[in-house]
């Protein structure tokens, strides 16, 4: 007599495999947190469990890297705001007003995503040097905004292109102008896509290293990514503050992803289906 296994039994091997993959991917995160809770720990000699955990590494990281953390937060938030201010109306214009050359322009935006960041950084350096924007928070905000606008435009436009034109036309018939229709109808409907673009811009700016390395050379303006890079050479004998800094640098991105994951899922796929 043949006995068919239950669905839960058939899924067991895949479940075990998924747990193993998850454990492998999360192990670096665990080791980072584990090392940050142990004083005078080396990179490879850290105990597997923090038997006597301490927050000395976090205290040292906050005192020495707190300014860099605030700098990164300022640059990331400034880049998000400026990117959305430029990309949202640009995306609406490309989705709403179809003119000759629109497809070519979209292709150019797509091609810009293939350009290495180092090439962009090297091209911006002489320009920013002329404008006195080197070693300046404003310069880093503008650089990261320039890098983030093309992707944000493509993402938001894909969503706005799926909005029924009748909604906007009804508002225009009722006496609303294009700006009023854009702010009152299009933007609220496109909330998922706008939030998704904001999150991607924040994560890209928060993790930026090459632009900051090229456009800054003084400790007065130093994002947390450069702070960790310099910290490694200065703290090679004690990795606790280095790992604590890495943990603290991961918190904003992790919190944003946790609280806005439903917007990300909706915004990433809504533009693909009408």
Protein backbone atom coordinates (compact mmCIF):
# COMPACT_ATOMS: atom_id res chain seq x y z
CA UNK A 1 0.00 0.00 0.00
CA UNK A 2 1.39 3.39 -1.04
CA UNK A 3 1.26 6.06 1.57
CA UNK A 4 1.63 9.58 0.25
CA UNK A 5 3.48 11.86 2.66
CA UNK A 6 1.65 14.92 3.90
CA UNK A 7 2.43 18.31 2.34
CA UNK A 8 4.30 19.38 5.47
CA UNK A 9 6.57 16.33 5.22
CA UNK A 10 7.23 17.00 1.52
CA UNK A 11 8.18 20.59 2.30
CA UNK A 12 10.51 19.61 5.14
CA UNK A 13 13.72 19.29 3.03
CA UNK A 14 13.18 22.70 1.44
CA UNK A 15 12.41 24.19 4.85
CA UNK A 16 15.63 22.79 6.30
CA UNK A 17 17.59 24.06 3.28
CA UNK A 18 16.03 27.50 3.65
CA UNK A 19 16.93 27.63 7.35
CA UNK A 20 20.53 26.69 6.53
CA UNK A 21 20.79 29.41 3.87
CA UNK A 22 19.29 31.94 6.29
CA UNK A 23 21.76 30.95 9.00
CA UNK A 24 24.70 31.35 6.61
CA UNK A 25 23.51 34.81 5.51
CA UNK A 26 22.81 36.02 9.05
CA UNK A 27 26.02 34.67 10.60
CA UNK A 28 28.10 37.77 9.65
CA UNK A 29 25.48 39.94 11.34
CA UNK A 30 25.60 37.78 14.46
CA UNK A 31 29.41 37.88 14.53
CA UNK A 32 29.36 41.65 14.17
CA UNK A 33 27.00 42.04 17.14
CA UNK A 34 28.86 39.39 19.13
CA UNK A 35 32.23 41.09 18.61
CA UNK A 36 30.81 44.48 19.52
CA UNK A 37 29.76 43.17 22.95
CA UNK A 38 33.20 41.85 23.92
CA UNK A 39 35.97 44.10 25.15
CA UNK A 40 39.49 43.87 23.69
CA UNK A 41 38.37 41.35 21.11
CA UNK A 42 40.30 40.47 18.01
CA UNK A 43 38.71 39.82 14.65
CA UNK A 44 39.41 36.08 14.72
CA UNK A 45 39.91 35.38 18.43
CA UNK A 46 36.48 36.51 19.62
CA UNK A 47 34.58 33.99 21.71
CA UNK A 48 31.57 32.48 19.98
CA UNK A 49 29.21 33.80 22.67
CA UNK A 50 29.49 37.04 24.68
CA UNK A 51 29.77 35.40 28.11
CA UNK A 52 30.45 38.74 29.82
CA UNK A 53 28.96 41.32 27.45
CA UNK A 54 29.98 44.95 27.75
CA UNK A 55 28.89 48.19 26.10
CA UNK A 56 32.34 49.76 26.21
CA UNK A 57 32.68 49.39 22.45
CA UNK A 58 29.41 51.24 21.87
CA UNK A 59 30.37 54.04 24.26
CA UNK A 60 33.67 54.48 22.44
CA UNK A 61 32.04 54.27 19.03
CA UNK A 62 29.46 56.93 19.90
CA UNK A 63 32.07 59.29 21.35
CA UNK A 64 34.45 58.91 18.41
CA UNK A 65 32.08 58.28 15.52
CA UNK A 66 28.94 60.14 16.59
CA UNK A 67 29.79 63.14 14.41
CA UNK A 68 30.29 60.94 11.36
CA UNK A 69 26.96 59.26 12.05
CA UNK A 70 25.18 62.64 12.10
CA UNK A 71 26.99 63.66 8.90
CA UNK A 72 25.81 60.53 7.09
CA UNK A 73 22.26 61.05 8.34
CA UNK A 74 22.26 64.66 7.12
CA UNK A 75 23.61 63.69 3.70
CA UNK A 76 21.18 60.80 3.30
CA UNK A 77 18.07 62.76 4.32
CA UNK A 78 19.10 65.75 2.22
CA UNK A 79 19.66 63.52 -0.81
CA UNK A 80 16.27 61.85 -0.34
CA UNK A 81 14.40 65.16 -0.17
CA UNK A 82 16.21 66.69 -3.15
CA UNK A 83 15.89 63.52 -5.22
CA UNK A 84 12.13 63.30 -4.67
CA UNK A 85 11.63 67.01 -5.36
CA UNK A 86 13.28 66.59 -8.75
CA UNK A 87 12.36 63.02 -9.68
CA UNK A 88 8.64 63.02 -8.81
CA UNK A 89 7.52 65.85 -11.13
CA UNK A 90 9.98 64.65 -13.79
CA UNK A 91 8.47 61.17 -13.65
CA UNK A 92 4.96 62.63 -13.89
CA UNK A 93 5.92 64.70 -16.90
CA UNK A 94 7.41 61.67 -18.67
CA UNK A 95 4.35 59.54 -17.87
CA UNK A 96 1.69 62.14 -18.61
CA UNK A 97 3.03 64.16 -21.56
CA UNK A 98 4.28 61.84 -24.27
CA UNK A 99 6.46 63.76 -26.69
CA UNK A 100 8.97 62.85 -29.35
CA UNK A 101 12.22 61.68 -27.83
CA UNK A 102 10.72 60.43 -24.56
CA UNK A 103 11.85 56.86 -25.18
CA UNK A 104 15.34 58.03 -26.04
CA UNK A 105 15.49 60.04 -22.84
CA UNK A 106 14.36 57.03 -20.82
CA UNK A 107 17.03 54.94 -22.51
CA UNK A 108 19.64 57.51 -21.53
CA UNK A 109 18.45 57.35 -17.93
CA UNK A 110 18.73 53.58 -18.03
CA UNK A 111 22.23 53.72 -19.49
CA UNK A 112 23.36 56.06 -16.70
CA UNK A 113 22.67 53.24 -14.23
CA UNK A 114 25.46 51.26 -15.89
CA UNK A 115 28.13 53.92 -15.36
CA UNK A 116 30.49 53.02 -12.47
CA UNK A 117 30.30 55.32 -9.47
CA UNK A 118 34.05 55.94 -9.63
CA UNK A 119 33.66 57.40 -13.12
CA UNK A 120 30.96 59.76 -11.85
CA UNK A 121 33.08 60.73 -8.84
CA UNK A 122 36.11 61.51 -10.98
CA UNK A 123 33.98 63.60 -13.33
CA UNK A 124 32.46 65.56 -10.45
CA UNK A 125 35.78 66.28 -8.73
CA UNK A 126 37.02 69.13 -11.01
CA UNK A 127 33.52 70.63 -11.15
CA UNK A 128 33.11 70.58 -7.38
CA UNK A 129 36.63 71.94 -6.97
CA UNK A 130 35.70 74.92 -9.14
CA UNK A 131 32.47 75.47 -7.19
CA UNK A 132 34.18 75.06 -3.78
CA UNK A 133 31.99 72.07 -2.94
CA UNK A 134 34.77 69.70 -1.95
CA UNK A 135 34.81 68.73 1.73
CA UNK A 136 31.26 70.05 2.02
CA UNK A 137 28.02 68.37 3.07
CA UNK A 138 26.14 70.23 0.33
CA UNK A 139 28.51 68.81 -2.27
CA UNK A 140 27.93 65.25 -1.09
CA UNK A 141 24.16 65.80 -1.08
CA UNK A 142 24.29 67.06 -4.67
CA UNK A 143 26.55 64.21 -5.78
CA UNK A 144 24.35 61.50 -4.26
CA UNK A 145 21.24 63.21 -5.59
CA UNK A 146 22.69 63.21 -9.10
CA UNK A 147 23.41 59.51 -8.75
CA UNK A 148 19.95 58.71 -7.37
CA UNK A 149 17.66 60.75 -9.63
CA UNK A 150 17.74 58.49 -12.74
CA UNK A 151 16.65 55.37 -10.85
CA UNK A 152 14.00 57.29 -8.92
CA UNK A 153 12.58 58.75 -12.14
CA UNK A 154 12.41 55.33 -13.80
CA UNK A 155 10.76 53.74 -10.76
CA UNK A 156 8.16 56.44 -10.13
CA UNK A 157 7.36 56.88 -13.82
CA UNK A 158 6.62 53.16 -14.15
CA UNK A 159 3.98 53.51 -11.44
CA UNK A 160 2.53 56.79 -12.69
CA UNK A 161 2.22 55.34 -16.17
CA UNK A 162 -0.30 52.84 -14.78
CA UNK A 163 -2.55 55.53 -13.26
CA UNK A 164 -5.75 55.91 -15.36
CA UNK A 165 -5.59 59.13 -17.32
CA UNK A 166 -9.30 59.65 -16.61
CA UNK A 167 -8.52 60.51 -12.98
CA UNK A 168 -6.30 63.43 -13.94
CA UNK A 169 -8.59 64.52 -16.76
CA UNK A 170 -11.58 64.58 -14.38
CA UNK A 171 -9.66 66.90 -12.06
CA UNK A 172 -8.75 69.16 -15.00
CA UNK A 173 -12.40 69.29 -16.08
CA UNK A 174 -13.40 70.30 -12.55
CA UNK A 175 -11.10 73.31 -12.80
CA UNK A 176 -7.88 72.04 -11.24
CA UNK A 177 -4.63 72.94 -12.93
CA UNK A 178 -1.91 70.46 -13.75
CA UNK A 179 -0.02 71.33 -10.56
CA UNK A 180 -3.11 70.89 -8.38
CA UNK A 181 -3.98 67.60 -10.08
CA UNK A 182 -0.41 66.42 -9.63
CA UNK A 183 -0.25 67.27 -5.92
CA UNK A 184 -3.81 66.24 -4.98
CA UNK A 185 -4.29 63.12 -7.09
CA UNK A 186 -1.11 61.74 -8.63
CA UNK A 187 1.21 62.08 -5.64
CA UNK A 188 -1.14 60.41 -3.09
CA UNK A 189 -1.86 57.55 -5.47
CA UNK A 190 1.88 57.12 -6.14
CA UNK A 191 2.77 56.98 -2.45
CA UNK A 192 4.12 53.43 -2.64
CA UNK A 193 6.44 54.20 -5.53
CA UNK A 194 7.63 57.46 -3.96
CA UNK A 195 8.38 55.77 -0.63
CA UNK A 196 10.22 53.00 -2.46
CA UNK A 197 12.32 55.51 -4.38
CA UNK A 198 13.05 57.37 -1.15
CA UNK A 199 14.22 54.20 0.57
CA UNK A 200 16.47 53.14 -2.28
CA UNK A 201 17.96 56.64 -2.38
CA UNK A 202 18.53 56.62 1.38
CA UNK A 203 20.17 53.19 1.34
CA UNK A 204 22.39 54.08 -1.61
CA UNK A 205 23.49 57.34 -0.01
CA UNK A 206 23.91 55.83 3.45
CA UNK A 207 26.21 53.13 2.10
CA UNK A 208 28.13 55.42 -0.27
CA UNK A 209 31.89 55.14 -0.02
CA UNK A 210 33.45 56.09 -3.36
CA UNK A 211 31.79 59.49 -3.73
CA UNK A 212 32.67 60.42 -0.16
CA UNK A 213 36.23 59.15 -0.57
CA UNK A 214 36.74 61.16 -3.76
CA UNK A 215 35.02 64.40 -2.76
CA UNK A 216 36.26 64.70 0.83
CA UNK A 217 39.74 64.74 2.33
CA UNK A 218 39.32 66.22 5.80
CA UNK A 219 37.89 64.74 9.02
CA UNK A 220 35.49 67.70 9.32
CA UNK A 221 33.13 66.17 6.74
CA UNK A 222 33.32 62.40 6.96
CA UNK A 223 30.39 59.99 6.53
CA UNK A 224 30.17 56.90 8.69
CA UNK A 225 31.43 54.68 5.85
CA UNK A 226 34.72 56.57 5.74
CA UNK A 227 34.75 56.66 9.53
CA UNK A 228 34.63 52.86 9.69
CA UNK A 229 37.31 52.61 7.00
CA UNK A 230 39.68 54.84 8.95
CA UNK A 231 38.67 53.21 12.21
CA UNK A 232 39.83 49.78 11.08
CA UNK A 233 43.45 50.91 10.67
CA UNK A 234 43.36 52.75 14.00
CA UNK A 235 41.73 49.96 16.02
CA UNK A 236 43.31 46.79 14.62
CA UNK A 237 44.03 45.52 18.14
CA UNK A 238 40.52 46.11 19.46
CA UNK A 239 37.66 45.36 17.11
CA UNK A 240 34.89 45.98 19.64
CA UNK A 241 34.40 49.70 18.80
CA UNK A 242 34.77 48.95 15.08
CA UNK A 243 32.01 46.35 15.21
CA UNK A 244 29.90 48.58 17.46
CA UNK A 245 30.19 51.36 14.87
CA UNK A 246 29.13 48.91 12.16
CA UNK A 247 26.11 47.83 14.22
CA UNK A 248 25.07 51.44 14.82
CA UNK A 249 25.51 52.22 11.13
CA UNK A 250 23.20 49.33 10.26
CA UNK A 251 20.36 50.43 12.54
CA UNK A 252 18.81 53.25 10.41
CA UNK A 253 18.70 51.14 7.25
CA UNK A 254 17.29 48.14 9.12
CA UNK A 255 14.56 50.20 10.80
CA UNK A 256 13.52 51.82 7.53
CA UNK A 257 13.28 48.46 5.79
CA UNK A 258 11.25 46.97 8.64
CA UNK A 259 8.72 49.81 8.86
CA UNK A 260 8.38 50.41 5.11
CA UNK A 261 8.64 46.91 3.66
CA UNK A 262 5.00 46.88 2.56
CA UNK A 263 5.54 50.10 0.60
CA UNK A 264 8.65 48.62 -1.00
CA UNK A 265 6.84 45.46 -2.10
CA UNK A 266 3.88 47.40 -3.49
CA UNK A 267 5.94 50.12 -5.13
CA UNK A 268 8.38 47.74 -6.77
CA UNK A 269 5.72 45.71 -8.59
CA UNK A 270 2.79 48.10 -9.09
CA UNK A 271 4.33 49.82 -12.07
CA UNK A 272 4.70 46.52 -13.91
CA UNK A 273 0.97 45.68 -13.91
CA UNK A 274 -1.84 47.80 -15.24
